[in-house]
Amino acid sequence: MLDINQYFQEAIKRGASDLHLVGGEKPLVRVKSDLMEVGSDVLDNQELAEAVFKILSAEQKEKYEQEKEMDFAYEVGDIRFRVNLHQQDDKLGLAARLIPSDIPSPETLRFDETMLGMTDLLDGVVLVTGPTGCGKSTTIACMIEEINKKRKSHIITIEDPVEFVFKDKMSLVEQREVGKDTKSFANALKHVLRQDPNVIFVGEMRDPETISTVLTAAETGHLVFSTLHTPNAAEAIERIVDVFEGSKQKQVLIQLSAVLRGVVAQQLLPAVDGGTVPAREILINTSAVANLIRENNISQLKSAIQTGIKDGMVTMENSVKQLVDEGLVSPEVAEKRIGRSKKV
């Protein structure tokens, strides 16, 4: 009988960031940026399915059988994994991301003064965007932990699933998991304002109801962190607006122009030492930026970032260039990632 925990333990032992188990394929772990085989045996799909289902609750099994997709948290000892189950070619696939036990510090994540300043905000919306696996949750966890350490706040997180586990320091932190503690992001947000929060983390803004409630929470004096799967700040604004139809778009643009505090678009680049290093585009909602958003001149946001250095804004190109200048990223990697020529 296949023991699935042996693969999770092997991922921990090797210092892997990810584990991949797919029926009919060899098990793999990602160490730094490279995929490596764990043994030479191909996984039998039936045995893999039986082993995976053993670690699922009855509710999780039912959800997976209905949707053929599911995210959940899994613990091996004191190490947590964020696990995605899926089907491919009629076989089971499992992708697990190892979540560090300790929340990384701002120094470890290379926060600049602008990023640190976002943890001093008392209201508004801060968005962290980027592709899957670029460290969005880690960046927000670091921001929340800074708040937890330096002021007395009530912090409520709504996640799917819960990833980093916070311990109360100066703040009271409540963590709610979709599917276990609440039915959905939207459902949790309907009631969150009655729970006297100061800071709210919404794992992802997926639908009009969730987005509307986030904007309302920010309007009523709460600080809200959330994520989107967009490659840059301008597309994050577009994504939010495009969720709505007709006249509602104008209302959302007005709300967003008033409550947005900043957008951090993040990428992870292969580092010279074999690890990864974050590159970040940062948009700050100055009066000029707010006017562009309000008037739906989203295409001009890139220019606003380029001219907003004094306000703490950073273009992705300049962020990557700095990494090259510091010797952390090779010019070749930079050129491939941002499509630049030898100007880098």
C-alpha atoms as a PDB file:
ATOM      1  CA  MET A   1       0.000   0.000   0.000  1.00  0.00           C
ATOM      2  CA  LEU A   2       1.352   3.407  -0.989  1.00  0.00           C
ATOM      3  CA  ASP A   3       2.229   5.650   1.968  1.00  0.00           C
ATOM      4  CA  ILE A   4       1.683   9.191   0.782  1.00  0.00           C
ATOM      5  CA  ASN A   5       3.327  10.706   3.843  1.00  0.00           C
ATOM      6  CA  GLN A   6       6.697   9.379   2.728  1.00  0.00           C
ATOM      7  CA  TYR A   7       6.617  11.769  -0.220  1.00  0.00           C
ATOM      8  CA  PHE A   8       5.697  14.754   1.956  1.00  0.00           C
ATOM      9  CA  GLN A   9       8.497  13.803   4.340  1.00  0.00           C
ATOM     10  CA  GLU A  10      10.943  13.496   1.470  1.00  0.00           C
ATOM     11  CA  ALA A  11       9.961  16.968   0.264  1.00  0.00           C
ATOM     12  CA  ILE A  12      10.672  18.331   3.751  1.00  0.00           C
ATOM     13  CA  LYS A  13      13.975  16.443   3.965  1.00  0.00           C
ATOM     14  CA  ARG A  14      15.190  17.821   0.638  1.00  0.00           C
ATOM     15  CA  GLY A  15      14.160  21.393   1.431  1.00  0.00           C
ATOM     16  CA  ALA A  16      11.728  21.364  -1.500  1.00  0.00           C
ATOM     17  CA  SER A  17       9.241  24.113  -2.236  1.00  0.00           C
ATOM     18  CA  ASP A  18       6.782  21.831  -4.054  1.00  0.00           C
ATOM     19  CA  LEU A  19       5.765  18.184  -4.366  1.00  0.00           C
ATOM     20  CA  HIS A  20       4.124  16.712  -7.481  1.00  0.00           C
ATOM     21  CA  LEU A  21       2.373  13.332  -7.470  1.00  0.00           C
ATOM     22  CA  VAL A  22       0.598  12.309 -10.686  1.00  0.00           C
ATOM     23  CA  GLY A  23      -0.853   8.935 -11.546  1.00  0.00           C
ATOM     24  CA  GLY A  24       1.260   7.196 -14.203  1.00  0.00           C
ATOM     25  CA  GLU A  25       4.259   9.493 -13.599  1.00  0.00           C
ATOM     26  CA  LYS A  26       7.299   9.471 -11.324  1.00  0.00           C
ATOM     27  CA  PRO A  27       6.998  11.532  -8.123  1.00  0.00           C
ATOM     28  CA  LEU A  28       8.814  14.871  -8.297  1.00  0.00           C
ATOM     29  CA  VAL A  29       9.906  17.609  -5.921  1.00  0.00           C
ATOM     30  CA  ARG A  30      11.006  21.132  -6.796  1.00  0.00           C
ATOM     31  CA  VAL A  31      14.228  22.122  -5.063  1.00  0.00           C
ATOM     32  CA  LYS A  32      15.069  25.784  -5.651  1.00  0.00           C
ATOM     33  CA  SER A  33      13.968  26.065  -9.276  1.00  0.00           C
ATOM     34  CA  ASP A  34      14.621  22.519 -10.480  1.00  0.00           C
ATOM     35  CA  LEU A  35      12.311  19.485 -10.576  1.00  0.00           C
ATOM     36  CA  MET A  36      13.910  16.321  -9.214  1.00  0.00           C
ATOM     37  CA  GLU A  37      12.693  12.717  -9.227  1.00  0.00           C
ATOM     38  CA  VAL A  38      11.919  10.979  -5.926  1.00  0.00           C
ATOM     39  CA  GLY A  39      12.782   7.387  -6.705  1.00  0.00           C
ATOM     40  CA  SER A  40      12.447   5.663 -10.050  1.00  0.00           C
ATOM     41  CA  ASP A  41       9.022   4.033  -9.736  1.00  0.00           C
ATOM     42  CA  VAL A  42       5.999   5.312 -11.620  1.00  0.00           C
ATOM     43  CA  LEU A  43       2.994   5.993  -9.381  1.00  0.00           C
ATOM     44  CA  ASP A  44       0.071   3.620  -9.854  1.00  0.00           C
ATOM     45  CA  ASN A  45      -2.998   5.824 -10.272  1.00  0.00           C
ATOM     46  CA  GLN A  46      -5.332   3.593  -8.267  1.00  0.00           C
ATOM     47  CA  GLU A  47      -2.892   3.313  -5.369  1.00  0.00           C
ATOM     48  CA  LEU A  48      -2.292   7.078  -5.436  1.00  0.00           C
ATOM     49  CA  ALA A  49      -6.023   7.793  -5.358  1.00  0.00           C
ATOM     50  CA  GLU A  50      -6.576   5.411  -2.441  1.00  0.00           C
ATOM     51  CA  ALA A  51      -3.692   6.957  -0.492  1.00  0.00           C
ATOM     52  CA  VAL A  52      -4.869  10.519  -1.122  1.00  0.00           C
ATOM     53  CA  PHE A  53      -8.482   9.764  -0.202  1.00  0.00           C
ATOM     54  CA  LYS A  54      -7.286   8.389   3.144  1.00  0.00           C
ATOM     55  CA  ILE A  55      -6.141  11.861   4.202  1.00  0.00           C
ATOM     56  CA  LEU A  56      -9.376  13.567   3.119  1.00  0.00           C
ATOM     57  CA  SER A  57     -12.459  14.138   5.243  1.00  0.00           C
ATOM     58  CA  ALA A  58     -15.841  12.902   4.039  1.00  0.00           C
ATOM     59  CA  GLU A  59     -16.769  16.466   3.025  1.00  0.00           C
ATOM     60  CA  GLN A  60     -13.541  16.880   1.083  1.00  0.00           C
ATOM     61  CA  LYS A  61     -14.044  13.598  -0.748  1.00  0.00           C
ATOM     62  CA  GLU A  62     -17.548  14.632  -1.738  1.00  0.00           C
ATOM     63  CA  LYS A  63     -16.365  18.036  -2.942  1.00  0.00           C
ATOM     64  CA  TYR A  64     -13.575  16.532  -5.017  1.00  0.00           C
ATOM     65  CA  GLU A  65     -15.815  13.910  -6.576  1.00  0.00           C
ATOM     66  CA  GLN A  66     -18.270  16.648  -7.594  1.00  0.00           C
ATOM     67  CA  GLU A  67     -15.809  19.273  -8.834  1.00  0.00           C
ATOM     68  CA  LYS A  68     -12.646  17.301  -9.703  1.00  0.00           C
ATOM     69  CA  GLU A  69     -10.687  20.248  -8.242  1.00  0.00           C
ATOM     70  CA  MET A  70      -9.910  21.059  -4.625  1.00  0.00           C
ATOM     71  CA  ASP A  71      -7.496  23.008  -2.431  1.00  0.00           C
ATOM     72  CA  PHE A  72      -6.826  22.086   1.181  1.00  0.00           C
ATOM     73  CA  ALA A  73      -4.164  22.363   3.897  1.00  0.00           C
ATOM     74  CA  TYR A  74      -2.316  19.280   5.135  1.00  0.00           C
ATOM     75  CA  GLU A  75       0.110  18.922   8.025  1.00  0.00           C
ATOM     76  CA  VAL A  76       3.014  16.513   8.385  1.00  0.00           C
ATOM     77  CA  GLY A  77       4.416  16.967  11.879  1.00  0.00           C
ATOM     78  CA  ASP A  78       4.586  20.717  12.343  1.00  0.00           C
ATOM     79  CA  ILE A  79       5.021  21.441   8.621  1.00  0.00           C
ATOM     80  CA  ARG A  80       2.030  22.657   6.620  1.00  0.00           C
ATOM     81  CA  PHE A  81       1.370  22.137   2.934  1.00  0.00           C
ATOM     82  CA  ARG A  82      -1.116  23.854   0.640  1.00  0.00           C
ATOM     83  CA  VAL A  83      -2.404  21.020  -1.536  1.00  0.00           C
ATOM     84  CA  ASN A  84      -4.238  21.116  -4.853  1.00  0.00           C
ATOM     85  CA  LEU A  85      -5.974  17.995  -6.170  1.00  0.00           C
ATOM     86  CA  HIS A  86      -6.983  17.779  -9.807  1.00  0.00           C
ATOM     87  CA  GLN A  87      -7.652  15.410 -12.684  1.00  0.00           C
ATOM     88  CA  GLN A  88      -5.456  15.125 -15.782  1.00  0.00           C
ATOM     89  CA  ASP A  89      -5.856  12.558 -18.533  1.00  0.00           C
ATOM     90  CA  ASP A  90      -8.398  10.816 -16.288  1.00  0.00           C
ATOM     91  CA  LYS A  91      -5.730  10.384 -13.605  1.00  0.00           C
ATOM     92  CA  LEU A  92      -5.254  12.011 -10.218  1.00  0.00           C
ATOM     93  CA  GLY A  93      -2.788  14.852  -9.818  1.00  0.00           C
ATOM     94  CA  LEU A  94      -1.542  16.336  -6.541  1.00  0.00           C
ATOM     95  CA  ALA A  95       0.537  19.507  -6.248  1.00  0.00           C
ATOM     96  CA  ALA A  96       1.635  20.515  -2.746  1.00  0.00           C
ATOM     97  CA  ARG A  97       3.383  23.756  -1.763  1.00  0.00           C
ATOM     98  CA  LEU A  98       5.415  23.624   1.452  1.00  0.00           C
ATOM     99  CA  ILE A  99       4.559  26.506   3.783  1.00  0.00           C
ATOM    100  CA  PRO A 100       7.449  27.575   6.029  1.00  0.00           C
ATOM    101  CA  SER A 101       6.796  27.224   9.769  1.00  0.00           C
ATOM    102  CA  ASP A 102       8.064  30.745  10.394  1.00  0.00           C
ATOM    103  CA  ILE A 103       6.703  33.770   8.589  1.00  0.00           C
ATOM    104  CA  PRO A 104       9.592  35.344   6.659  1.00  0.00           C
ATOM    105  CA  SER A 105      10.786  38.758   7.800  1.00  0.00           C
ATOM    106  CA  PRO A 106      10.593  41.936   5.671  1.00  0.00           C
ATOM    107  CA  GLU A 107      14.377  41.773   5.322  1.00  0.00           C
ATOM    108  CA  THR A 108      14.242  38.202   4.015  1.00  0.00           C
ATOM    109  CA  LEU A 109      11.588  39.174   1.470  1.00  0.00           C
ATOM    110  CA  ARG A 110      13.476  42.321   0.477  1.00  0.00           C
ATOM    111  CA  PHE A 111      10.781  44.809   1.457  1.00  0.00           C
ATOM    112  CA  ASP A 112      11.679  48.400   0.629  1.00  0.00           C
ATOM    113  CA  GLU A 113      10.449  51.459   2.557  1.00  0.00           C
ATOM    114  CA  THR A 114       7.282  51.643   0.470  1.00  0.00           C
ATOM    115  CA  MET A 115       6.356  48.033   1.259  1.00  0.00           C
ATOM    116  CA  LEU A 116       7.068  48.538   4.965  1.00  0.00           C
ATOM    117  CA  GLY A 117       4.972  51.702   4.915  1.00  0.00           C
ATOM    118  CA  MET A 118       1.949  49.695   3.812  1.00  0.00           C
ATOM    119  CA  THR A 119       1.939  47.963   7.198  1.00  0.00           C
ATOM    120  CA  ASP A 120       1.368  51.348   8.872  1.00  0.00           C
ATOM    121  CA  LEU A 121      -1.851  52.000   6.930  1.00  0.00           C
ATOM    122  CA  LEU A 122      -5.069  52.072   8.931  1.00  0.00           C
ATOM    123  CA  ASP A 123      -7.594  51.776   6.108  1.00  0.00           C
ATOM    124  CA  GLY A 124      -7.942  51.171   2.386  1.00  0.00           C
ATOM    125  CA  VAL A 125      -7.127  48.292   0.037  1.00  0.00           C
ATOM    126  CA  VAL A 126      -3.686  46.831  -0.638  1.00  0.00           C
ATOM    127  CA  LEU A 127      -3.471  44.322  -3.491  1.00  0.00           C
ATOM    128  CA  VAL A 128      -0.651  41.853  -4.121  1.00  0.00           C
ATOM    129  CA  THR A 129      -0.823  40.399  -7.630  1.00  0.00           C
ATOM    130  CA  GLY A 130       1.091  37.948  -9.763  1.00  0.00           C
ATOM    131  CA  PRO A 131       0.996  34.436 -11.191  1.00  0.00           C
ATOM    132  CA  THR A 132       0.395  31.334  -9.098  1.00  0.00           C
ATOM    133  CA  GLY A 133       3.397  30.435  -6.987  1.00  0.00           C
ATOM    134  CA  CYS A 134       5.008  33.881  -6.990  1.00  0.00           C
ATOM    135  CA  GLY A 135       4.788  34.344  -3.221  1.00  0.00           C
ATOM    136  CA  LYS A 136       1.713  36.564  -2.936  1.00  0.00           C
ATOM    137  CA  SER A 137       0.466  34.855   0.230  1.00  0.00           C
ATOM    138  CA  THR A 138       3.932  34.993   1.773  1.00  0.00           C
ATOM    139  CA  THR A 139       4.231  38.726   1.100  1.00  0.00           C
ATOM    140  CA  ILE A 140       0.839  39.449   2.660  1.00  0.00           C
ATOM    141  CA  ALA A 141       1.558  37.148   5.606  1.00  0.00           C
ATOM    142  CA  CYS A 142       4.722  39.154   6.276  1.00  0.00           C
ATOM    143  CA  MET A 143       2.743  42.411   6.178  1.00  0.00           C
ATOM    144  CA  ILE A 144       0.095  41.053   8.548  1.00  0.00           C
ATOM    145  CA  GLU A 145       2.751  39.736  10.927  1.00  0.00           C
ATOM    146  CA  GLU A 146       4.340  43.212  11.046  1.00  0.00           C
ATOM    147  CA  ILE A 147       0.961  44.638  12.075  1.00  0.00           C
ATOM    148  CA  ASN A 148       0.541  41.807  14.575  1.00  0.00           C
ATOM    149  CA  LYS A 149       3.901  42.704  16.143  1.00  0.00           C
ATOM    150  CA  LYS A 150       3.545  46.468  16.375  1.00  0.00           C
ATOM    151  CA  ARG A 151      -0.043  47.472  17.112  1.00  0.00           C
ATOM    152  CA  LYS A 152      -3.170  46.332  18.887  1.00  0.00           C
ATOM    153  CA  SER A 153      -5.545  45.339  16.125  1.00  0.00           C
ATOM    154  CA  HIS A 154      -8.189  42.738  15.439  1.00  0.00           C
ATOM    155  CA  ILE A 155      -7.057  40.876  12.324  1.00  0.00           C
ATOM    156  CA  ILE A 156      -9.381  38.487  10.490  1.00  0.00           C
ATOM    157  CA  THR A 157      -8.159  36.340   7.607  1.00  0.00           C
ATOM    158  CA  ILE A 158     -10.445  34.523   5.166  1.00  0.00           C
ATOM    159  CA  GLU A 159      -8.423  31.933   3.249  1.00  0.00           C
ATOM    160  CA  ASP A 160      -8.829  28.907   0.996  1.00  0.00           C
ATOM    161  CA  PRO A 161      -7.057  27.144   2.611  1.00  0.00           C
ATOM    162  CA  VAL A 162      -5.378  28.718   5.647  1.00  0.00           C
ATOM    163  CA  GLU A 163      -1.648  28.829   4.929  1.00  0.00           C
ATOM    164  CA  PHE A 164       0.583  30.626   7.423  1.00  0.00           C
ATOM    165  CA  VAL A 165      -0.626  30.229  11.004  1.00  0.00           C
ATOM    166  CA  PHE A 166      -0.336  33.405  13.095  1.00  0.00           C
ATOM    167  CA  LYS A 167       0.257  33.528  16.830  1.00  0.00           C
ATOM    168  CA  ASP A 168      -1.244  36.489  18.673  1.00  0.00           C
ATOM    169  CA  LYS A 169       1.360  39.074  19.601  1.00  0.00           C
ATOM    170  CA  MET A 170       0.031  42.616  20.058  1.00  0.00           C
ATOM    171  CA  SER A 171      -2.998  41.810  17.897  1.00  0.00           C
ATOM    172  CA  LEU A 172      -5.852  39.317  18.059  1.00  0.00           C
ATOM    173  CA  VAL A 173      -5.734  37.191  14.899  1.00  0.00           C
ATOM    174  CA  GLU A 174      -8.650  35.026  13.759  1.00  0.00           C
ATOM    175  CA  GLN A 175      -8.188  32.768  10.739  1.00  0.00           C
ATOM    176  CA  ARG A 176     -11.208  31.400   8.894  1.00  0.00           C
ATOM    177  CA  GLU A 177     -10.950  28.708   6.247  1.00  0.00           C
ATOM    178  CA  VAL A 178     -13.399  28.522   3.348  1.00  0.00           C
ATOM    179  CA  GLY A 179     -15.176  25.180   3.392  1.00  0.00           C
ATOM    180  CA  LYS A 180     -14.413  24.552   7.054  1.00  0.00           C
ATOM    181  CA  ASP A 181     -15.245  27.758   8.925  1.00  0.00           C
ATOM    182  CA  THR A 182     -17.341  29.493   6.269  1.00  0.00           C
ATOM    183  CA  LYS A 183     -19.058  28.528   3.011  1.00  0.00           C
ATOM    184  CA  SER A 184     -17.350  31.113   0.780  1.00  0.00           C
ATOM    185  CA  PHE A 185     -15.345  34.328   0.696  1.00  0.00           C
ATOM    186  CA  ALA A 186     -18.515  36.276  -0.059  1.00  0.00           C
ATOM    187  CA  ASN A 187     -20.434  34.622   2.773  1.00  0.00           C
ATOM    188  CA  ALA A 188     -17.680  35.358   5.308  1.00  0.00           C
ATOM    189  CA  LEU A 189     -17.408  38.956   4.154  1.00  0.00           C
ATOM    190  CA  LYS A 190     -21.154  39.504   4.637  1.00  0.00           C
ATOM    191  CA  HIS A 191     -20.645  39.152   8.371  1.00  0.00           C
ATOM    192  CA  VAL A 192     -17.044  40.211   8.916  1.00  0.00           C
ATOM    193  CA  LEU A 193     -17.846  43.872   9.588  1.00  0.00           C
ATOM    194  CA  ARG A 194     -19.985  42.794  12.563  1.00  0.00           C
ATOM    195  CA  GLN A 195     -16.925  41.087  14.072  1.00  0.00           C
ATOM    196  CA  ASP A 196     -15.170  44.402  14.862  1.00  0.00           C
ATOM    197  CA  PRO A 197     -12.073  43.921  12.667  1.00  0.00           C
ATOM    198  CA  ASN A 198      -9.347  46.468  12.024  1.00  0.00           C
ATOM    199  CA  VAL A 199      -7.515  44.450   9.375  1.00  0.00           C
ATOM    200  CA  ILE A 200      -9.019  41.929   6.948  1.00  0.00           C
ATOM    201  CA  PHE A 201      -7.188  39.551   4.636  1.00  0.00           C
ATOM    202  CA  VAL A 202      -9.278  38.092   1.801  1.00  0.00           C
ATOM    203  CA  GLY A 203      -7.401  35.256   0.112  1.00  0.00           C
ATOM    204  CA  GLU A 204      -8.655  36.179  -3.351  1.00  0.00           C
ATOM    205  CA  MET A 205     -11.193  38.554  -4.876  1.00  0.00           C
ATOM    206  CA  ARG A 206     -13.019  36.115  -7.148  1.00  0.00           C
ATOM    207  CA  ASP A 207     -16.490  37.511  -7.779  1.00  0.00           C
ATOM    208  CA  PRO A 208     -18.524  40.755  -7.824  1.00  0.00           C
ATOM    209  CA  GLU A 209     -19.988  40.172  -4.358  1.00  0.00           C
ATOM    210  CA  THR A 210     -16.573  39.666  -2.765  1.00  0.00           C
ATOM    211  CA  ILE A 211     -15.075  42.688  -4.534  1.00  0.00           C
ATOM    212  CA  SER A 212     -18.019  44.931  -3.593  1.00  0.00           C
ATOM    213  CA  THR A 213     -17.773  43.932   0.054  1.00  0.00           C
ATOM    214  CA  VAL A 214     -14.004  44.503   0.095  1.00  0.00           C
ATOM    215  CA  LEU A 215     -14.481  48.026  -1.284  1.00  0.00           C
ATOM    216  CA  THR A 216     -17.237  48.731   1.237  1.00  0.00           C
ATOM    217  CA  ALA A 217     -15.077  47.468   4.111  1.00  0.00           C
ATOM    218  CA  ALA A 218     -12.280  49.795   3.027  1.00  0.00           C
ATOM    219  CA  GLU A 219     -14.706  52.701   2.730  1.00  0.00           C
ATOM    220  CA  THR A 220     -15.859  52.152   6.307  1.00  0.00           C
ATOM    221  CA  GLY A 221     -12.373  52.482   7.770  1.00  0.00           C
ATOM    222  CA  HIS A 222     -10.888  48.986   7.549  1.00  0.00           C
ATOM    223  CA  LEU A 223      -7.544  47.938   6.086  1.00  0.00           C
ATOM    224  CA  VAL A 224      -8.036  45.111   3.577  1.00  0.00           C
ATOM    225  CA  PHE A 225      -5.351  42.975   1.950  1.00  0.00           C
ATOM    226  CA  SER A 226      -6.156  40.717  -0.989  1.00  0.00           C
ATOM    227  CA  THR A 227      -4.647  39.033  -4.057  1.00  0.00           C
ATOM    228  CA  LEU A 228      -5.325  38.785  -7.777  1.00  0.00           C
ATOM    229  CA  HIS A 229      -3.755  36.668 -10.507  1.00  0.00           C
ATOM    230  CA  THR A 230      -2.645  39.530 -12.755  1.00  0.00           C
ATOM    231  CA  PRO A 231       0.902  40.225 -14.009  1.00  0.00           C
ATOM    232  CA  ASN A 232       0.930  43.967 -13.326  1.00  0.00           C
ATOM    233  CA  ALA A 233      -0.860  46.759 -11.471  1.00  0.00           C
ATOM    234  CA  ALA A 234      -2.821  48.107 -14.431  1.00  0.00           C
ATOM    235  CA  GLU A 235      -4.296  44.691 -15.221  1.00  0.00           C
ATOM    236  CA  ALA A 236      -5.300  44.313 -11.568  1.00  0.00           C
ATOM    237  CA  ILE A 237      -7.456  47.432 -11.874  1.00  0.00           C
ATOM    238  CA  GLU A 238      -8.885  46.207 -15.186  1.00  0.00           C
ATOM    239  CA  ARG A 239      -9.688  42.789 -13.731  1.00  0.00           C
ATOM    240  CA  ILE A 240     -11.647  44.310 -10.852  1.00  0.00           C
ATOM    241  CA  VAL A 241     -13.622  46.640 -13.119  1.00  0.00           C
ATOM    242  CA  ASP A 242     -14.309  43.999 -15.788  1.00  0.00           C
ATOM    243  CA  VAL A 243     -16.035  41.760 -13.235  1.00  0.00           C
ATOM    244  CA  PHE A 244     -18.898  44.282 -13.251  1.00  0.00           C
ATOM    245  CA  GLU A 245     -21.266  45.275 -16.031  1.00  0.00           C
ATOM    246  CA  GLY A 246     -22.584  48.551 -17.397  1.00  0.00           C
ATOM    247  CA  SER A 247     -23.167  51.417 -15.008  1.00  0.00           C
ATOM    248  CA  LYS A 248     -21.729  49.448 -12.076  1.00  0.00           C
ATOM    249  CA  GLN A 249     -18.268  49.827 -13.591  1.00  0.00           C
ATOM    250  CA  LYS A 250     -18.328  53.597 -13.069  1.00  0.00           C
ATOM    251  CA  GLN A 251     -19.318  53.160  -9.433  1.00  0.00           C
ATOM    252  CA  VAL A 252     -16.489  50.656  -8.864  1.00  0.00           C
ATOM    253  CA  LEU A 253     -13.954  52.988 -10.499  1.00  0.00           C
ATOM    254  CA  ILE A 254     -15.013  55.793  -8.165  1.00  0.00           C
ATOM    255  CA  GLN A 255     -14.831  53.515  -5.115  1.00  0.00           C
ATOM    256  CA  LEU A 256     -11.485  52.060  -6.143  1.00  0.00           C
ATOM    257  CA  SER A 257      -9.976  55.485  -6.789  1.00  0.00           C
ATOM    258  CA  ALA A 258     -10.922  56.467  -3.239  1.00  0.00           C
ATOM    259  CA  VAL A 259      -9.934  53.368  -1.248  1.00  0.00           C
ATOM    260  CA  LEU A 260      -7.001  51.831  -3.116  1.00  0.00           C
ATOM    261  CA  ARG A 261      -3.733  52.420  -1.285  1.00  0.00           C
ATOM    262  CA  GLY A 262      -1.329  50.395  -3.383  1.00  0.00           C
ATOM    263  CA  VAL A 263      -0.771  47.489  -5.758  1.00  0.00           C
ATOM    264  CA  VAL A 264       2.287  45.245  -5.573  1.00  0.00           C
ATOM    265  CA  ALA A 265       2.776  43.113  -8.704  1.00  0.00           C
ATOM    266  CA  GLN A 266       5.280  40.389  -7.875  1.00  0.00           C
ATOM    267  CA  GLN A 267       7.360  37.886  -9.818  1.00  0.00           C
ATOM    268  CA  LEU A 268       9.911  35.342  -8.603  1.00  0.00           C
ATOM    269  CA  LEU A 269      13.086  35.218 -10.671  1.00  0.00           C
ATOM    270  CA  PRO A 270      15.740  32.462 -10.649  1.00  0.00           C
ATOM    271  CA  ALA A 271      18.657  33.816  -8.640  1.00  0.00           C
ATOM    272  CA  VAL A 272      22.328  33.459  -9.442  1.00  0.00           C
ATOM    273  CA  ASP A 273      22.787  31.307  -6.309  1.00  0.00           C
ATOM    274  CA  GLY A 274      20.133  28.843  -7.477  1.00  0.00           C
ATOM    275  CA  GLY A 275      17.247  30.089  -5.333  1.00  0.00           C
ATOM    276  CA  THR A 276      14.637  32.679  -6.255  1.00  0.00           C
ATOM    277  CA  VAL A 277      14.376  36.399  -5.608  1.00  0.00           C
ATOM    278  CA  PRO A 278      11.292  38.662  -5.852  1.00  0.00           C
ATOM    279  CA  ALA A 279      10.959  41.489  -8.346  1.00  0.00           C
ATOM    280  CA  ARG A 280       8.129  43.930  -7.677  1.00  0.00           C
ATOM    281  CA  GLU A 281       6.235  46.617  -9.539  1.00  0.00           C
ATOM    282  CA  ILE A 282       4.687  49.022  -7.027  1.00  0.00           C
ATOM    283  CA  LEU A 283       1.795  51.390  -7.728  1.00  0.00           C
ATOM    284  CA  ILE A 284       0.832  53.950  -5.095  1.00  0.00           C
ATOM    285  CA  ASN A 285      -2.564  55.597  -5.320  1.00  0.00           C
ATOM    286  CA  THR A 286      -1.540  59.241  -5.446  1.00  0.00           C
ATOM    287  CA  SER A 287      -4.055  61.941  -6.410  1.00  0.00           C
ATOM    288  CA  ALA A 288      -2.849  61.677 -10.023  1.00  0.00           C
ATOM    289  CA  VAL A 289      -3.271  57.888 -10.051  1.00  0.00           C
ATOM    290  CA  ALA A 290      -6.687  58.168  -8.391  1.00  0.00           C
ATOM    291  CA  ASN A 291      -7.781  60.535 -11.146  1.00  0.00           C
ATOM    292  CA  LEU A 292      -6.625  58.080 -13.837  1.00  0.00           C
ATOM    293  CA  ILE A 293      -8.583  55.272 -12.172  1.00  0.00           C
ATOM    294  CA  ARG A 294     -11.689  57.394 -11.662  1.00  0.00           C
ATOM    295  CA  GLU A 295     -11.666  58.403 -15.350  1.00  0.00           C
ATOM    296  CA  ASN A 296     -10.889  54.829 -16.462  1.00  0.00           C
ATOM    297  CA  ASN A 297      -7.583  55.859 -18.065  1.00  0.00           C
ATOM    298  CA  ILE A 298      -5.996  52.581 -17.010  1.00  0.00           C
ATOM    299  CA  SER A 299      -3.622  52.527 -19.974  1.00  0.00           C
ATOM    300  CA  GLN A 300      -1.803  55.539 -18.507  1.00  0.00           C
ATOM    301  CA  LEU A 301      -1.006  53.862 -15.186  1.00  0.00           C
ATOM    302  CA  LYS A 302       2.305  52.491 -16.480  1.00  0.00           C
ATOM    303  CA  SER A 303       3.468  56.027 -17.246  1.00  0.00           C
ATOM    304  CA  ALA A 304       2.302  57.140 -13.800  1.00  0.00           C
ATOM    305  CA  ILE A 305       4.462  54.438 -12.199  1.00  0.00           C
ATOM    306  CA  GLN A 306       7.466  55.500 -14.300  1.00  0.00           C
ATOM    307  CA  THR A 307       7.150  59.115 -13.123  1.00  0.00           C
ATOM    308  CA  GLY A 308       6.168  58.273  -9.548  1.00  0.00           C
ATOM    309  CA  ILE A 309       9.576  57.344  -8.131  1.00  0.00           C
ATOM    310  CA  LYS A 310       9.414  60.112  -5.500  1.00  0.00           C
ATOM    311  CA  ASP A 311       6.150  58.607  -4.234  1.00  0.00           C
ATOM    312  CA  GLY A 312       7.708  55.162  -3.799  1.00  0.00           C
ATOM    313  CA  MET A 313       6.583  53.683  -7.102  1.00  0.00           C
ATOM    314  CA  VAL A 314       8.746  51.172  -8.945  1.00  0.00           C
ATOM    315  CA  THR A 315       8.422  49.722 -12.436  1.00  0.00           C
ATOM    316  CA  MET A 316       9.038  46.020 -12.922  1.00  0.00           C
ATOM    317  CA  GLU A 317      11.877  46.879 -15.307  1.00  0.00           C
ATOM    318  CA  ASN A 318      13.655  48.975 -12.685  1.00  0.00           C
ATOM    319  CA  SER A 319      13.091  46.344  -9.998  1.00  0.00           C
ATOM    320  CA  VAL A 320      14.681  43.677 -12.182  1.00  0.00           C
ATOM    321  CA  LYS A 321      17.504  46.044 -13.167  1.00  0.00           C
ATOM    322  CA  GLN A 322      18.309  46.590  -9.498  1.00  0.00           C
ATOM    323  CA  LEU A 323      18.498  42.824  -8.945  1.00  0.00           C
ATOM    324  CA  VAL A 324      20.926  42.566 -11.854  1.00  0.00           C
ATOM    325  CA  ASP A 325      23.000  45.474 -10.529  1.00  0.00           C
ATOM    326  CA  GLU A 326      23.204  43.766  -7.118  1.00  0.00           C
ATOM    327  CA  GLY A 327      24.395  40.538  -8.735  1.00  0.00           C
ATOM    328  CA  LEU A 328      21.336  38.585  -7.589  1.00  0.00           C
ATOM    329  CA  VAL A 329      19.905  37.884 -11.062  1.00  0.00           C
ATOM    330  CA  SER A 330      21.785  37.312 -14.306  1.00  0.00           C
ATOM    331  CA  PRO A 331      21.257  39.665 -17.267  1.00  0.00           C
ATOM    332  CA  GLU A 332      20.103  36.651 -19.297  1.00  0.00           C
ATOM    333  CA  VAL A 333      17.322  35.833 -16.832  1.00  0.00           C
ATOM    334  CA  ALA A 334      16.309  39.497 -16.700  1.00  0.00           C
ATOM    335  CA  GLU A 335      16.134  39.737 -20.472  1.00  0.00           C
ATOM    336  CA  LYS A 336      13.978  36.637 -20.767  1.00  0.00           C
ATOM    337  CA  ARG A 337      11.619  37.724 -17.997  1.00  0.00           C
ATOM    338  CA  ILE A 338      10.902  41.298 -18.982  1.00  0.00           C
ATOM    339  CA  GLY A 339      11.748  41.195 -22.671  1.00  0.00           C
ATOM    340  CA  ARG A 340      14.464  43.782 -22.414  1.00  0.00           C
ATOM    341  CA  SER A 341      17.509  44.097 -24.603  1.00  0.00           C
ATOM    342  CA  LYS A 342      21.068  44.555 -23.393  1.00  0.00           C
ATOM    343  CA  LYS A 343      20.022  47.874 -21.846  1.00  0.00           C
ATOM    344  CA  VAL A 344      19.580  45.922 -18.623  1.00  0.00           C
END
